[in-house]
Amino acid sequence: MTLMAYGWDSDWADAFAPYEGAGLVPGRIVRVDRGRCELVVADGGTTTGAGAGAGAGASASAGTGTRTRTLRADTEPVLSADPRDAPCTGDWAAVDTTPASGPVVRALLPRRTRFTRSTSSARSEGQVLAANIDLAVIAVSLAVELDLGRLERFLSLAWSSGAQPVVALTKTDLVPDITHLVTDVERAGPGAAVFPVSAVSGEGLDALAAELAGRTSALLGQSGVGKSTLLNALLGVEEQESGPVRGSDGKGRHTTTTRDLLLLPGGGLLIDTPGLRGVGLWEADEGLSQVFAEIEELATHCRFHDCEHHAEPGCAVLAAVEDGTLSHRRFESYRKLLREAAWIASRTDARLRAELGREWRRREAAGREMYERKRGGKHRKAF
């Protein structure tokens, strides 16, 4: 196996060139765990022991043709106050294999893409779940009622990451007729390929594997949607533990606890991720525009260029909702995600936070005025 199987190409070699003269070697991070990471690096043919010095064959140029080895390395030198800059599964790194204490990651190569969500902490932070991916594979179970709003959230983050979103509809063997479900998903995710699959019957696995071949993908979704089972089916081996789900809501417990970069037998790589309970938006404006492209198009026909689609006269979006052209569910999902994106952005931008505060106060005043008019000019507090 060579580094080319892990996505190494001439562009990565160019990005690594400044580090080659310092005796560092390129490697791809396949797992991060408590300040250390596992990487795949080129084996110069002189040693296969993790932590031992690499030979001349482990240079950037030779890294495409020589066999690989896995080593564990310290990431302390590249840790940053911004968690988004921390080493992540999928990153390419410049590794120093000479220290007696063991290999050390000295630098990360600039990322091409990164799938980032907002953390659930009180602080406004983004967490990178996977780096340098070509496809973001969103697993959705058909064994429970479809949550199209959550899917639209995932798709917005996927488009914003720079990767191409793909939807894997799992557990098709449990649903007699999936035609209308596939249609609903396609409408919720314009531009995203949809693959109905079953790890039990094998339905759709070949088509999905062909889509993933030759690229780096990340498998994302809630616990219980069948990610681990799907991964095992794609790999052809029991790589990850899978567990049962609750019958009441179809939710499962975390059986995957780390993010691992794995080689697929048909070519390509897949990053398996733990189930996500919370999927907060992060810098998702571009993704929202892609997911809700038809609403963005309708908005260009509103009477006012700054129409907020609330109660303005001549609003083309509201007109589409009223005549059924645009579903009320999809419109409300769009508004909800827009509000959340604005709120997240305001937590790190003082100017935007002040503008948002003024807008909320304006709407509050307008609401009070409307209330007073309905009460004949007499204002009463509503509890």
Protein backbone atom coordinates (compact mmCIF):
# COMPACT_ATOMS: atom_id res chain seq x y z
CA MET A 1 0.00 0.00 0.00
CA THR A 2 1.34 3.46 -0.90
CA LEU A 3 0.47 6.98 0.19
CA MET A 4 -1.38 7.42 -3.10
CA ALA A 5 -4.01 5.01 -1.74
CA TYR A 6 -4.53 7.52 1.09
CA GLY A 7 -5.09 10.45 -1.29
CA TRP A 8 -1.53 11.69 -1.80
CA ASP A 9 -1.12 13.61 -5.08
CA SER A 10 1.06 16.25 -6.73
CA ASP A 11 -0.83 19.11 -5.08
CA TRP A 12 -0.17 17.67 -1.62
CA ALA A 13 3.48 17.18 -2.61
CA ASP A 14 3.69 20.88 -3.55
CA ALA A 15 2.12 21.88 -0.22
CA PHE A 16 4.61 19.68 1.64
CA ALA A 17 7.70 20.92 -0.26
CA PRO A 18 8.67 23.61 2.34
CA TYR A 19 8.99 20.91 5.02
CA GLU A 20 10.93 18.36 2.98
CA GLY A 21 14.21 20.22 3.36
CA ALA A 22 13.89 20.07 7.14
CA GLY A 23 13.89 16.28 7.06
CA LEU A 24 10.18 15.94 7.86
CA VAL A 25 7.98 13.29 6.26
CA PRO A 26 4.37 13.54 5.06
CA GLY A 27 1.66 11.52 6.75
CA ARG A 28 -2.11 11.35 6.87
CA ILE A 29 -3.86 11.29 10.24
CA VAL A 30 -6.10 8.23 10.56
CA ARG A 31 -7.07 8.73 14.23
CA VAL A 32 -6.73 11.35 16.98
CA ASP A 33 -6.86 10.37 20.62
CA ARG A 34 -5.99 12.48 23.70
CA GLY A 35 -3.29 14.69 22.25
CA ARG A 36 -1.71 11.95 20.16
CA CYS A 37 -2.59 10.72 16.73
CA GLU A 38 -2.03 7.77 14.45
CA LEU A 39 -0.67 8.53 11.00
CA VAL A 40 0.12 6.62 7.85
CA VAL A 41 3.54 7.57 6.48
CA ALA A 42 5.72 6.22 3.71
CA ASP A 43 8.06 3.43 4.77
CA GLY A 44 11.51 4.02 3.33
CA GLY A 45 12.23 0.33 3.38
CA THR A 46 14.69 0.66 6.29
CA THR A 47 12.34 0.12 9.23
CA THR A 48 8.74 -0.62 10.07
CA GLY A 49 8.84 0.17 13.78
CA ALA A 50 6.53 2.96 14.94
CA GLY A 51 8.59 5.87 16.20
CA ALA A 52 11.84 4.85 14.51
CA GLY A 53 13.61 7.20 12.12
CA ALA A 54 12.51 7.16 8.49
CA GLY A 55 14.91 6.52 5.65
CA ALA A 56 15.46 8.70 2.60
CA GLY A 57 12.66 6.85 0.81
CA ALA A 58 10.13 8.53 3.09
CA SER A 59 10.50 11.88 1.35
CA ALA A 60 7.56 13.64 -0.28
CA SER A 61 8.54 12.54 -3.76
CA ALA A 62 9.16 8.90 -2.84
CA GLY A 63 6.09 8.81 -0.63
CA THR A 64 3.86 8.10 -3.61
CA GLY A 65 5.57 4.87 -4.57
CA THR A 66 6.87 3.27 -1.39
CA ARG A 67 4.89 1.16 1.02
CA THR A 68 3.31 2.69 4.10
CA ARG A 69 3.50 2.17 7.83
CA THR A 70 1.46 3.46 10.75
CA LEU A 71 2.97 5.36 13.66
CA ARG A 72 1.76 7.26 16.70
CA ALA A 73 2.88 10.86 17.08
CA ASP A 74 2.61 13.68 19.59
CA THR A 75 0.49 16.64 18.41
CA GLU A 76 1.42 19.10 21.18
CA PRO A 77 3.53 21.44 18.94
CA VAL A 78 0.61 22.15 16.60
CA LEU A 79 -2.18 22.54 19.17
CA SER A 80 -3.97 25.87 18.93
CA ALA A 81 -6.28 27.94 21.09
CA ASP A 82 -8.82 27.61 18.28
CA PRO A 83 -10.17 24.04 18.35
CA ARG A 84 -10.79 24.23 14.61
CA ASP A 85 -7.03 24.26 14.06
CA ALA A 86 -6.39 21.13 16.11
CA PRO A 87 -5.23 17.99 14.26
CA CYS A 88 -8.19 16.03 12.94
CA THR A 89 -8.78 12.72 11.20
CA GLY A 90 -8.14 13.27 7.50
CA ASP A 91 -5.46 15.95 7.96
CA TRP A 92 -2.14 15.73 6.15
CA ALA A 93 0.78 16.51 8.43
CA ALA A 94 4.53 17.15 8.39
CA VAL A 95 6.02 14.63 10.83
CA ASP A 96 9.39 14.63 12.58
CA THR A 97 10.42 11.00 13.14
CA THR A 98 13.82 11.73 14.69
CA PRO A 99 13.07 12.59 18.38
CA ALA A 100 14.13 9.84 20.80
CA SER A 101 10.82 10.25 22.63
CA GLY A 102 8.88 9.37 19.50
CA PRO A 103 7.46 11.02 16.34
CA VAL A 104 6.08 14.53 16.55
CA VAL A 105 3.64 16.38 14.26
CA ARG A 106 5.33 19.70 13.45
CA ALA A 107 2.72 21.20 11.10
CA LEU A 108 -0.55 20.53 9.30
CA LEU A 109 -0.86 21.10 5.57
CA PRO A 110 -3.59 23.58 4.54
CA ARG A 111 -6.96 21.85 4.45
CA ARG A 112 -8.92 21.59 1.23
CA THR A 113 -12.21 21.01 3.03
CA ARG A 114 -13.40 20.64 6.61
CA PHE A 115 -16.75 19.54 8.03
CA THR A 116 -17.40 21.79 11.03
CA ARG A 117 -20.26 21.98 13.49
CA SER A 118 -20.93 24.34 16.39
CA THR A 119 -20.16 22.79 19.77
CA SER A 120 -22.81 22.51 22.44
CA SER A 121 -20.66 24.35 24.98
CA ALA A 122 -21.49 27.78 26.37
CA ARG A 123 -18.61 29.20 24.36
CA SER A 124 -18.93 29.92 20.68
CA GLU A 125 -16.64 27.32 19.13
CA GLY A 126 -16.53 25.23 16.01
CA GLN A 127 -15.50 21.57 16.01
CA VAL A 128 -13.99 20.00 12.90
CA LEU A 129 -15.30 16.45 12.54
CA ALA A 130 -13.38 15.50 9.39
CA ALA A 131 -10.76 17.18 7.21
CA ASN A 132 -9.89 16.97 3.51
CA ILE A 133 -12.98 15.00 2.52
CA ASP A 134 -14.46 14.89 -0.96
CA LEU A 135 -17.84 13.47 0.06
CA ALA A 136 -19.95 13.97 3.19
CA VAL A 137 -22.11 10.85 3.43
CA ILE A 138 -25.17 11.57 5.60
CA ALA A 139 -26.77 8.38 6.88
CA VAL A 140 -30.54 8.55 7.45
CA SER A 141 -32.57 5.62 8.78
CA LEU A 142 -35.82 4.71 7.06
CA ALA A 143 -36.85 2.61 10.06
CA VAL A 144 -38.16 5.73 11.83
CA GLU A 145 -40.07 8.79 10.70
CA LEU A 146 -37.96 11.02 8.47
CA ASP A 147 -36.74 14.21 10.12
CA LEU A 148 -36.28 16.34 7.01
CA GLY A 149 -35.37 19.40 9.07
CA ARG A 150 -32.39 17.59 10.58
CA LEU A 151 -31.39 16.35 7.14
CA GLU A 152 -31.47 19.91 5.80
CA ARG A 153 -29.23 20.92 8.72
CA PHE A 154 -26.68 18.21 7.86
CA LEU A 155 -26.81 19.12 4.18
CA SER A 156 -26.20 22.81 4.92
CA LEU A 157 -23.08 21.93 6.89
CA ALA A 158 -21.94 19.53 4.18
CA TRP A 159 -22.20 22.11 1.39
CA SER A 160 -20.46 24.71 3.59
CA SER A 161 -17.58 22.30 4.24
CA GLY A 162 -16.59 22.31 0.58
CA ALA A 163 -17.43 18.62 0.20
CA GLN A 164 -20.15 17.11 -1.97
CA PRO A 165 -23.05 15.78 0.14
CA VAL A 166 -24.39 12.27 -0.39
CA VAL A 167 -27.42 10.81 1.41
CA ALA A 168 -27.43 7.12 2.33
CA LEU A 169 -30.95 5.96 3.23
CA THR A 170 -30.31 2.94 5.46
CA LYS A 171 -32.47 -0.02 6.53
CA THR A 172 -34.52 -0.14 3.34
CA ASP A 173 -35.25 -3.82 4.11
CA LEU A 174 -37.57 -2.65 6.92
CA VAL A 175 -39.80 -0.52 4.66
CA PRO A 176 -42.10 -2.11 2.03
CA ASP A 177 -42.27 0.94 -0.24
CA ILE A 178 -39.62 3.67 -0.11
CA THR A 179 -40.59 5.56 -3.26
CA HIS A 180 -42.22 8.53 -1.57
CA LEU A 181 -39.50 8.66 1.09
CA VAL A 182 -36.78 8.91 -1.55
CA THR A 183 -38.74 11.68 -3.27
CA ASP A 184 -39.05 13.64 -0.01
CA VAL A 185 -35.30 13.36 0.60
CA GLU A 186 -34.46 14.43 -2.94
CA ARG A 187 -36.65 17.51 -2.54
CA ALA A 188 -35.01 18.35 0.80
CA GLY A 189 -31.51 18.02 -0.65
CA PRO A 190 -31.31 19.37 -4.20
CA GLY A 191 -27.96 18.52 -5.76
CA ALA A 192 -27.19 15.67 -3.34
CA ALA A 193 -27.08 12.10 -4.66
CA VAL A 194 -29.41 9.74 -2.76
CA PHE A 195 -28.59 6.04 -2.28
CA PRO A 196 -31.18 3.71 -0.66
CA VAL A 197 -29.16 0.89 0.93
CA SER A 198 -29.58 -2.15 3.15
CA ALA A 199 -26.65 -3.74 4.95
CA VAL A 200 -28.83 -6.82 5.50
CA SER A 201 -29.98 -7.51 1.94
CA GLY A 202 -27.08 -5.77 0.20
CA GLU A 203 -29.43 -3.52 -1.76
CA GLY A 204 -27.67 -0.42 -3.11
CA LEU A 205 -24.26 -1.23 -1.58
CA ASP A 206 -22.51 -1.65 -4.94
CA ALA A 207 -23.81 1.69 -6.19
CA LEU A 208 -22.74 3.48 -3.01
CA ALA A 209 -19.31 1.81 -3.05
CA ALA A 210 -18.81 2.93 -6.65
CA GLU A 211 -19.65 6.51 -5.62
CA LEU A 212 -17.06 6.41 -2.82
CA ALA A 213 -14.29 4.76 -4.83
CA GLY A 214 -11.15 6.83 -5.29
CA ARG A 215 -12.23 9.58 -2.90
CA THR A 216 -12.12 10.42 0.80
CA SER A 217 -15.55 10.38 2.43
CA ALA A 218 -16.91 10.95 5.94
CA LEU A 219 -19.86 8.96 7.27
CA LEU A 220 -22.09 11.18 9.42
CA GLY A 221 -25.42 10.86 11.20
CA GLN A 222 -27.22 10.23 14.47
CA SER A 223 -26.69 7.20 16.67
CA GLY A 224 -28.94 4.35 15.62
CA VAL A 225 -29.15 5.13 11.91
CA GLY A 226 -26.94 2.16 11.05
CA LYS A 227 -23.59 3.83 10.30
CA SER A 228 -21.44 1.10 11.85
CA THR A 229 -23.45 -1.67 10.18
CA LEU A 230 -23.22 0.12 6.84
CA LEU A 231 -19.48 0.63 7.26
CA ASN A 232 -18.95 -3.06 8.03
CA ALA A 233 -20.94 -3.99 4.92
CA LEU A 234 -18.83 -1.67 2.75
CA LEU A 235 -15.58 -3.00 4.24
CA GLY A 236 -16.65 -6.64 4.08
CA VAL A 237 -15.41 -7.18 7.67
CA GLU A 238 -16.67 -6.46 11.18
CA GLU A 239 -14.50 -3.39 11.68
CA GLN A 240 -16.86 -1.52 14.04
CA GLU A 241 -19.14 -2.75 16.79
CA SER A 242 -22.84 -2.24 16.12
CA GLY A 243 -25.66 -2.21 18.64
CA PRO A 244 -29.46 -2.29 18.91
CA VAL A 245 -31.69 0.77 18.87
CA ARG A 246 -34.62 1.70 21.10
CA GLY A 247 -37.93 0.65 19.61
CA SER A 248 -39.67 3.78 20.89
CA ASP A 249 -37.69 6.33 18.92
CA GLY A 250 -35.13 4.41 16.88
CA LYS A 251 -32.20 6.00 18.72
CA GLY A 252 -29.10 4.02 19.60
CA ARG A 253 -26.16 4.32 21.92
CA HIS A 254 -22.66 5.32 20.84
CA THR A 255 -20.87 2.19 19.59
CA THR A 256 -18.30 4.27 17.67
CA THR A 257 -16.21 6.49 19.95
CA THR A 258 -13.41 7.70 17.68
CA ARG A 259 -13.12 9.02 14.15
CA ASP A 260 -11.15 6.51 12.07
CA LEU A 261 -9.92 6.80 8.48
CA LEU A 262 -10.35 3.39 6.83
CA LEU A 263 -9.42 2.01 3.43
CA LEU A 264 -12.30 0.68 1.34
CA PRO A 265 -11.69 -2.58 -0.56
CA GLY A 266 -12.84 -1.03 -3.85
CA GLY A 267 -10.58 2.00 -3.46
CA GLY A 268 -11.15 5.22 -1.57
CA LEU A 269 -11.26 6.03 2.13
CA LEU A 270 -14.06 6.44 4.63
CA ILE A 271 -13.96 8.31 7.94
CA ASP A 272 -16.32 6.71 10.44
CA THR A 273 -17.62 9.18 13.03
CA PRO A 274 -19.49 8.75 16.33
CA GLY A 275 -23.23 9.40 16.31
CA LEU A 276 -24.09 13.08 16.61
CA ARG A 277 -26.76 14.18 19.08
CA GLY A 278 -26.33 17.89 18.35
CA VAL A 279 -25.55 19.36 14.96
CA GLY A 280 -25.20 23.10 15.41
CA LEU A 281 -24.65 25.25 12.35
CA TRP A 282 -21.26 26.87 11.83
CA GLU A 283 -20.49 29.33 9.02
CA ALA A 284 -23.28 27.69 7.04
CA ASP A 285 -24.63 30.63 5.00
CA GLU A 286 -23.36 29.22 1.72
CA GLY A 287 -24.75 25.80 2.55
CA LEU A 288 -28.18 27.19 3.43
CA SER A 289 -28.32 28.97 0.07
CA GLN A 290 -27.54 25.69 -1.68
CA VAL A 291 -30.03 23.55 0.27
CA PHE A 292 -32.84 26.11 -0.03
CA ALA A 293 -31.98 27.26 -3.54
CA GLU A 294 -35.63 27.51 -4.61
CA ILE A 295 -36.42 29.87 -1.73
CA GLU A 296 -33.39 32.01 -2.56
CA GLU A 297 -34.65 32.17 -6.15
CA LEU A 298 -38.15 33.14 -5.04
CA ALA A 299 -36.68 35.90 -2.86
CA THR A 300 -35.26 37.63 -5.93
CA HIS A 301 -38.86 38.34 -7.01
CA CYS A 302 -39.94 39.99 -3.75
CA ARG A 303 -41.00 43.64 -3.97
CA PHE A 304 -38.34 44.73 -1.49
CA HIS A 305 -34.72 43.64 -1.89
CA ASP A 306 -34.34 43.36 1.91
CA CYS A 307 -37.59 41.43 2.36
CA GLU A 308 -37.51 39.25 5.47
CA HIS A 309 -40.49 37.10 4.39
CA HIS A 310 -42.58 37.85 7.49
CA ALA A 311 -45.52 40.03 6.48
CA GLU A 312 -44.13 42.36 3.83
CA PRO A 313 -46.40 43.20 0.89
CA GLY A 314 -45.31 41.73 -2.42
CA CYS A 315 -43.32 38.90 -0.81
CA ALA A 316 -42.89 36.18 -3.45
CA VAL A 317 -41.83 33.62 -0.84
CA LEU A 318 -44.98 34.02 1.27
CA ALA A 319 -47.07 33.94 -1.90
CA ALA A 320 -45.48 30.59 -2.82
CA VAL A 321 -46.31 29.22 0.63
CA GLU A 322 -49.91 30.38 0.32
CA ASP A 323 -50.48 28.81 -3.10
CA GLY A 324 -48.73 25.57 -2.13
CA THR A 325 -45.76 25.96 -4.46
CA LEU A 326 -43.49 26.01 -1.40
CA SER A 327 -44.30 23.74 1.53
CA HIS A 328 -44.89 25.40 4.89
CA ARG A 329 -42.59 22.86 6.57
CA ARG A 330 -39.68 23.67 4.30
CA PHE A 331 -40.19 27.43 4.68
CA GLU A 332 -40.25 27.16 8.48
CA SER A 333 -37.11 25.01 8.41
CA TYR A 334 -35.40 27.66 6.29
CA ARG A 335 -36.35 30.44 8.69
CA LYS A 336 -35.29 28.42 11.72
CA LEU A 337 -31.86 27.63 10.30
CA LEU A 338 -31.35 31.22 9.18
CA ARG A 339 -32.10 32.46 12.70
CA GLU A 340 -29.71 29.94 14.19
CA ALA A 341 -26.94 30.82 11.73
CA ALA A 342 -27.36 34.53 12.51
CA TRP A 343 -27.28 33.85 16.25
CA ILE A 344 -24.13 31.72 16.02
CA ALA A 345 -22.42 34.38 13.90
CA SER A 346 -23.41 37.12 16.35
CA ARG A 347 -21.63 35.33 19.22
CA THR A 348 -18.27 35.98 17.57
CA ASP A 349 -19.04 39.32 15.85
CA ALA A 350 -19.79 42.29 18.15
CA ARG A 351 -21.10 44.46 15.30
CA LEU A 352 -23.42 41.76 14.05
CA ARG A 353 -24.55 41.07 17.61
CA ALA A 354 -25.50 44.76 18.06
CA GLU A 355 -27.38 44.79 14.74
CA LEU A 356 -29.24 41.64 15.68
CA GLY A 357 -30.16 43.14 19.04
CA ARG A 358 -31.55 46.25 17.36
CA GLU A 359 -33.57 44.11 14.97
CA TRP A 360 -35.06 42.06 17.82
CA ARG A 361 -35.99 45.25 19.69
CA ARG A 362 -37.60 46.66 16.53
CA ARG A 363 -39.71 43.54 16.09
CA GLU A 364 -40.63 43.57 19.75
CA ALA A 365 -41.80 47.19 19.49
CA ALA A 366 -43.78 46.39 16.35
CA GLY A 367 -45.41 43.48 18.16
CA ARG A 368 -46.41 45.70 21.09
CA GLU A 369 -47.84 48.28 18.73
CA MET A 370 -49.91 45.63 16.95
CA TYR A 371 -51.11 44.34 20.32
CA GLU A 372 -52.20 47.82 21.41
CA ARG A 373 -54.07 48.41 18.17
CA LYS A 374 -56.04 45.21 18.64
CA ARG A 375 -56.95 46.33 22.15
CA GLY A 376 -58.16 49.75 21.03
CA GLY A 377 -55.03 51.59 22.08
CA LYS A 378 -54.99 50.16 25.59
CA HIS A 379 -51.95 48.08 26.31
CA ARG A 380 -52.23 45.15 28.69
CA LYS A 381 -49.45 42.77 29.61
CA ALA A 382 -49.96 39.22 28.46
CA PHE A 383 -48.80 36.49 30.74
